[in-house]
Amino acid sequence: MKKTELVEKVATRAGLTKSQADEAVKAFVETITEALKAGDKIALKGFGTFEVRERNERTARNPRTGETMVVPASKVPAFKASSALKKEVNE
């Protein structure tokens, strides 16, 4: 599903215009992004948890040259689905 399809479904379900639904989806994504940048964890009961995980520095091999290189430490966004969401998906 692409963003436009998501906006259409949100508009239909919430009784909003497409432009209102688009603003709501944008606001949701921006809010989660800002919270993750601040290091916060977002838990939506019955849906899941958004959080930032830290990856340690590691060595890797360049597949073209075979040269060993260092991949710097980084932060990555992660989502963990709740058991309720997992149950719904598997039904």
N, C-alpha and C. Protein backbone atom coordinates (compact mmCIF):
# COMPACT_ATOMS: atom_id res chain seq x y z
N MET A 1 0.84 -1.16 0.00
CA MET A 1 0.00 0.00 0.00
C MET A 1 0.89 1.23 0.00
N LYS A 2 0.59 2.16 -0.86
CA LYS A 2 1.33 3.40 -0.95
C LYS A 2 0.63 4.47 -0.11
N LYS A 3 1.32 5.60 0.08
CA LYS A 3 0.78 6.66 0.92
C LYS A 3 -0.58 7.15 0.41
N THR A 4 -0.74 7.29 -0.90
CA THR A 4 -2.01 7.79 -1.43
C THR A 4 -3.15 6.83 -1.11
N GLU A 5 -2.87 5.53 -1.16
CA GLU A 5 -3.90 4.55 -0.82
C GLU A 5 -4.22 4.61 0.67
N LEU A 6 -3.20 4.79 1.49
CA LEU A 6 -3.41 4.92 2.93
C LEU A 6 -4.26 6.15 3.22
N VAL A 7 -3.95 7.27 2.59
CA VAL A 7 -4.71 8.50 2.80
C VAL A 7 -6.18 8.29 2.40
N GLU A 8 -6.42 7.62 1.30
CA GLU A 8 -7.80 7.35 0.86
C GLU A 8 -8.55 6.51 1.90
N LYS A 9 -7.90 5.48 2.42
CA LYS A 9 -8.56 4.62 3.41
C LYS A 9 -8.81 5.36 4.71
N VAL A 10 -7.85 6.17 5.15
CA VAL A 10 -8.05 6.97 6.37
C VAL A 10 -9.19 7.95 6.17
N ALA A 11 -9.24 8.59 5.02
CA ALA A 11 -10.31 9.55 4.73
C ALA A 11 -11.67 8.87 4.78
N THR A 12 -11.78 7.69 4.19
CA THR A 12 -13.04 6.96 4.17
C THR A 12 -13.46 6.53 5.57
N ARG A 13 -12.51 5.94 6.30
CA ARG A 13 -12.82 5.42 7.65
C ARG A 13 -13.14 6.52 8.65
N ALA A 14 -12.42 7.65 8.56
CA ALA A 14 -12.59 8.72 9.55
C ALA A 14 -13.60 9.78 9.11
N GLY A 15 -14.12 9.65 7.91
CA GLY A 15 -15.08 10.63 7.42
C GLY A 15 -14.44 11.99 7.16
N LEU A 16 -13.20 11.96 6.65
CA LEU A 16 -12.47 13.19 6.37
C LEU A 16 -12.32 13.37 4.87
N THR A 17 -11.96 14.59 4.48
CA THR A 17 -11.62 14.79 3.07
C THR A 17 -10.22 14.21 2.87
N LYS A 18 -9.85 14.01 1.61
CA LYS A 18 -8.52 13.46 1.33
C LYS A 18 -7.43 14.40 1.82
N SER A 19 -7.64 15.71 1.70
CA SER A 19 -6.61 16.66 2.14
C SER A 19 -6.49 16.65 3.66
N GLN A 20 -7.60 16.49 4.37
CA GLN A 20 -7.54 16.40 5.83
C GLN A 20 -6.83 15.11 6.26
N ALA A 21 -7.15 14.02 5.59
CA ALA A 21 -6.52 12.74 5.91
C ALA A 21 -5.03 12.80 5.59
N ASP A 22 -4.66 13.46 4.50
CA ASP A 22 -3.26 13.60 4.14
C ASP A 22 -2.52 14.38 5.23
N GLU A 23 -3.11 15.44 5.73
CA GLU A 23 -2.51 16.22 6.81
C GLU A 23 -2.37 15.39 8.08
N ALA A 24 -3.37 14.56 8.37
CA ALA A 24 -3.32 13.71 9.56
C ALA A 24 -2.21 12.67 9.44
N VAL A 25 -2.06 12.06 8.29
CA VAL A 25 -1.01 11.07 8.07
C VAL A 25 0.36 11.73 8.17
N LYS A 26 0.51 12.91 7.54
CA LYS A 26 1.78 13.66 7.63
C LYS A 26 2.11 14.00 9.08
N ALA A 27 1.12 14.47 9.82
CA ALA A 27 1.33 14.84 11.22
C ALA A 27 1.75 13.62 12.04
N PHE A 28 1.13 12.48 11.80
CA PHE A 28 1.46 11.24 12.51
C PHE A 28 2.93 10.86 12.25
N VAL A 29 3.31 10.86 10.99
CA VAL A 29 4.68 10.47 10.62
C VAL A 29 5.69 11.47 11.19
N GLU A 30 5.41 12.76 11.07
CA GLU A 30 6.32 13.77 11.59
C GLU A 30 6.46 13.68 13.11
N THR A 31 5.37 13.42 13.80
CA THR A 31 5.41 13.30 15.26
C THR A 31 6.26 12.12 15.69
N ILE A 32 6.09 10.99 15.03
CA ILE A 32 6.89 9.81 15.36
C ILE A 32 8.36 10.07 15.05
N THR A 33 8.64 10.70 13.92
CA THR A 33 10.01 11.01 13.54
C THR A 33 10.68 11.92 14.57
N GLU A 34 9.98 12.97 14.98
CA GLU A 34 10.53 13.90 15.97
C GLU A 34 10.79 13.20 17.30
N ALA A 35 9.87 12.34 17.71
CA ALA A 35 10.04 11.63 18.98
C ALA A 35 11.24 10.69 18.91
N LEU A 36 11.41 10.00 17.80
CA LEU A 36 12.55 9.09 17.66
C LEU A 36 13.86 9.86 17.63
N LYS A 37 13.87 11.03 16.96
CA LYS A 37 15.07 11.85 16.93
C LYS A 37 15.45 12.32 18.33
N ALA A 38 14.44 12.54 19.17
CA ALA A 38 14.68 12.98 20.55
C ALA A 38 15.05 11.81 21.46
N GLY A 39 15.01 10.60 20.93
CA GLY A 39 15.37 9.42 21.72
C GLY A 39 14.21 8.82 22.48
N ASP A 40 13.00 9.27 22.20
CA ASP A 40 11.82 8.74 22.87
C ASP A 40 11.37 7.42 22.25
N LYS A 41 10.58 6.70 23.01
CA LYS A 41 9.98 5.43 22.57
C LYS A 41 8.48 5.69 22.46
N ILE A 42 7.85 5.24 21.39
CA ILE A 42 6.41 5.43 21.20
C ILE A 42 5.73 4.08 21.26
N ALA A 43 4.86 3.90 22.24
CA ALA A 43 4.14 2.64 22.41
C ALA A 43 2.66 2.88 22.12
N LEU A 44 2.13 2.18 21.15
CA LEU A 44 0.71 2.25 20.80
C LEU A 44 0.08 0.92 21.18
N LYS A 45 -0.66 0.91 22.27
CA LYS A 45 -1.25 -0.32 22.78
C LYS A 45 -2.08 -1.01 21.70
N GLY A 46 -1.86 -2.28 21.52
CA GLY A 46 -2.59 -3.06 20.54
C GLY A 46 -2.01 -2.96 19.14
N PHE A 47 -0.99 -2.12 18.95
CA PHE A 47 -0.37 -1.97 17.62
C PHE A 47 1.11 -2.33 17.67
N GLY A 48 1.88 -1.59 18.48
CA GLY A 48 3.30 -1.89 18.58
C GLY A 48 4.09 -0.74 19.15
N THR A 49 5.41 -0.87 19.09
CA THR A 49 6.32 0.11 19.67
C THR A 49 7.35 0.54 18.65
N PHE A 50 7.52 1.86 18.53
CA PHE A 50 8.57 2.44 17.72
C PHE A 50 9.69 2.85 18.66
N GLU A 51 10.94 2.55 18.28
CA GLU A 51 12.07 2.92 19.12
C GLU A 51 13.31 3.06 18.25
N VAL A 52 14.36 3.61 18.87
CA VAL A 52 15.65 3.73 18.19
C VAL A 52 16.59 2.70 18.81
N ARG A 53 17.24 1.93 17.94
CA ARG A 53 18.22 0.96 18.40
C ARG A 53 19.60 1.39 17.92
N GLU A 54 20.60 1.08 18.72
CA GLU A 54 21.96 1.46 18.36
C GLU A 54 22.72 0.25 17.83
N ARG A 55 23.40 0.47 16.72
CA ARG A 55 24.25 -0.57 16.14
C ARG A 55 25.70 -0.22 16.47
N ASN A 56 26.44 -1.19 16.89
CA ASN A 56 27.85 -0.98 17.19
C ASN A 56 28.67 -0.89 15.92
N GLU A 57 29.85 -0.30 16.04
CA GLU A 57 30.78 -0.26 14.93
C GLU A 57 31.18 -1.70 14.61
N ARG A 58 31.37 -2.00 13.32
CA ARG A 58 31.74 -3.36 12.94
C ARG A 58 32.59 -3.32 11.69
N THR A 59 33.23 -4.41 11.41
CA THR A 59 34.00 -4.51 10.18
C THR A 59 33.19 -5.29 9.16
N ALA A 60 33.37 -4.91 7.91
CA ALA A 60 32.66 -5.57 6.82
C ALA A 60 33.62 -5.70 5.65
N ARG A 61 33.21 -6.44 4.65
CA ARG A 61 34.05 -6.64 3.48
C ARG A 61 33.34 -6.06 2.26
N ASN A 62 34.05 -5.23 1.50
CA ASN A 62 33.52 -4.68 0.27
C ASN A 62 33.40 -5.81 -0.75
N PRO A 63 32.20 -6.11 -1.24
CA PRO A 63 32.04 -7.26 -2.14
C PRO A 63 32.75 -7.09 -3.48
N ARG A 64 32.96 -5.85 -3.94
CA ARG A 64 33.64 -5.65 -5.22
C ARG A 64 35.13 -5.89 -5.11
N THR A 65 35.72 -5.29 -4.08
CA THR A 65 37.18 -5.33 -3.98
C THR A 65 37.70 -6.36 -2.99
N GLY A 66 36.84 -6.81 -2.08
CA GLY A 66 37.26 -7.74 -1.05
C GLY A 66 37.98 -7.04 0.09
N GLU A 67 38.06 -5.72 0.00
CA GLU A 67 38.75 -4.92 1.01
C GLU A 67 37.93 -4.86 2.30
N THR A 68 38.61 -4.97 3.43
CA THR A 68 37.95 -4.86 4.73
C THR A 68 37.76 -3.38 5.04
N MET A 69 36.58 -3.05 5.56
CA MET A 69 36.29 -1.66 5.91
C MET A 69 35.54 -1.61 7.23
N VAL A 70 35.54 -0.45 7.85
CA VAL A 70 34.85 -0.26 9.12
C VAL A 70 33.52 0.43 8.86
N VAL A 71 32.45 -0.18 9.35
CA VAL A 71 31.12 0.42 9.27
C VAL A 71 30.91 1.13 10.60
N PRO A 72 30.72 2.45 10.58
CA PRO A 72 30.61 3.19 11.84
C PRO A 72 29.33 2.84 12.61
N ALA A 73 29.36 3.11 13.90
CA ALA A 73 28.18 2.91 14.74
C ALA A 73 27.06 3.81 14.23
N SER A 74 25.83 3.38 14.40
CA SER A 74 24.70 4.19 13.94
C SER A 74 23.45 3.89 14.77
N LYS A 75 22.48 4.76 14.62
CA LYS A 75 21.18 4.56 15.24
C LYS A 75 20.20 4.22 14.13
N VAL A 76 19.32 3.24 14.40
CA VAL A 76 18.33 2.85 13.39
C VAL A 76 16.95 2.80 14.03
N PRO A 77 15.94 3.30 13.30
CA PRO A 77 14.59 3.19 13.82
C PRO A 77 14.11 1.74 13.73
N ALA A 78 13.30 1.33 14.71
CA ALA A 78 12.80 -0.04 14.73
C ALA A 78 11.35 -0.05 15.17
N PHE A 79 10.62 -1.04 14.70
CA PHE A 79 9.23 -1.23 15.09
C PHE A 79 9.06 -2.66 15.56
N LYS A 80 8.43 -2.81 16.72
CA LYS A 80 8.13 -4.14 17.23
C LYS A 80 6.61 -4.25 17.34
N ALA A 81 6.04 -5.17 16.62
CA ALA A 81 4.59 -5.36 16.61
C ALA A 81 4.12 -5.95 17.94
N SER A 82 2.94 -5.52 18.37
CA SER A 82 2.37 -6.07 19.60
C SER A 82 1.82 -7.47 19.34
N SER A 83 1.60 -8.21 20.40
CA SER A 83 1.05 -9.56 20.23
C SER A 83 -0.36 -9.50 19.64
N ALA A 84 -1.11 -8.45 19.95
CA ALA A 84 -2.47 -8.31 19.40
C ALA A 84 -2.41 -8.12 17.88
N LEU A 85 -1.46 -7.30 17.40
CA LEU A 85 -1.31 -7.08 15.96
C LEU A 85 -0.85 -8.37 15.28
N LYS A 86 0.10 -9.05 15.88
CA LYS A 86 0.58 -10.32 15.32
C LYS A 86 -0.58 -11.33 15.21
N LYS A 87 -1.42 -11.37 16.23
CA LYS A 87 -2.55 -12.29 16.22
C LYS A 87 -3.52 -11.94 15.09
N GLU A 88 -3.81 -10.66 14.90
CA GLU A 88 -4.71 -10.22 13.83
C GLU A 88 -4.17 -10.59 12.46
N VAL A 89 -2.88 -10.39 12.26
CA VAL A 89 -2.26 -10.66 10.96
C VAL A 89 -2.30 -12.16 10.66
N ASN A 90 -2.17 -12.98 11.69
CA ASN A 90 -2.11 -14.42 11.47
C ASN A 90 -3.47 -15.10 11.42
N GLU A 91 -4.54 -14.37 11.59
CA GLU A 91 -5.87 -15.00 11.53
C GLU A 91 -6.34 -15.14 10.12
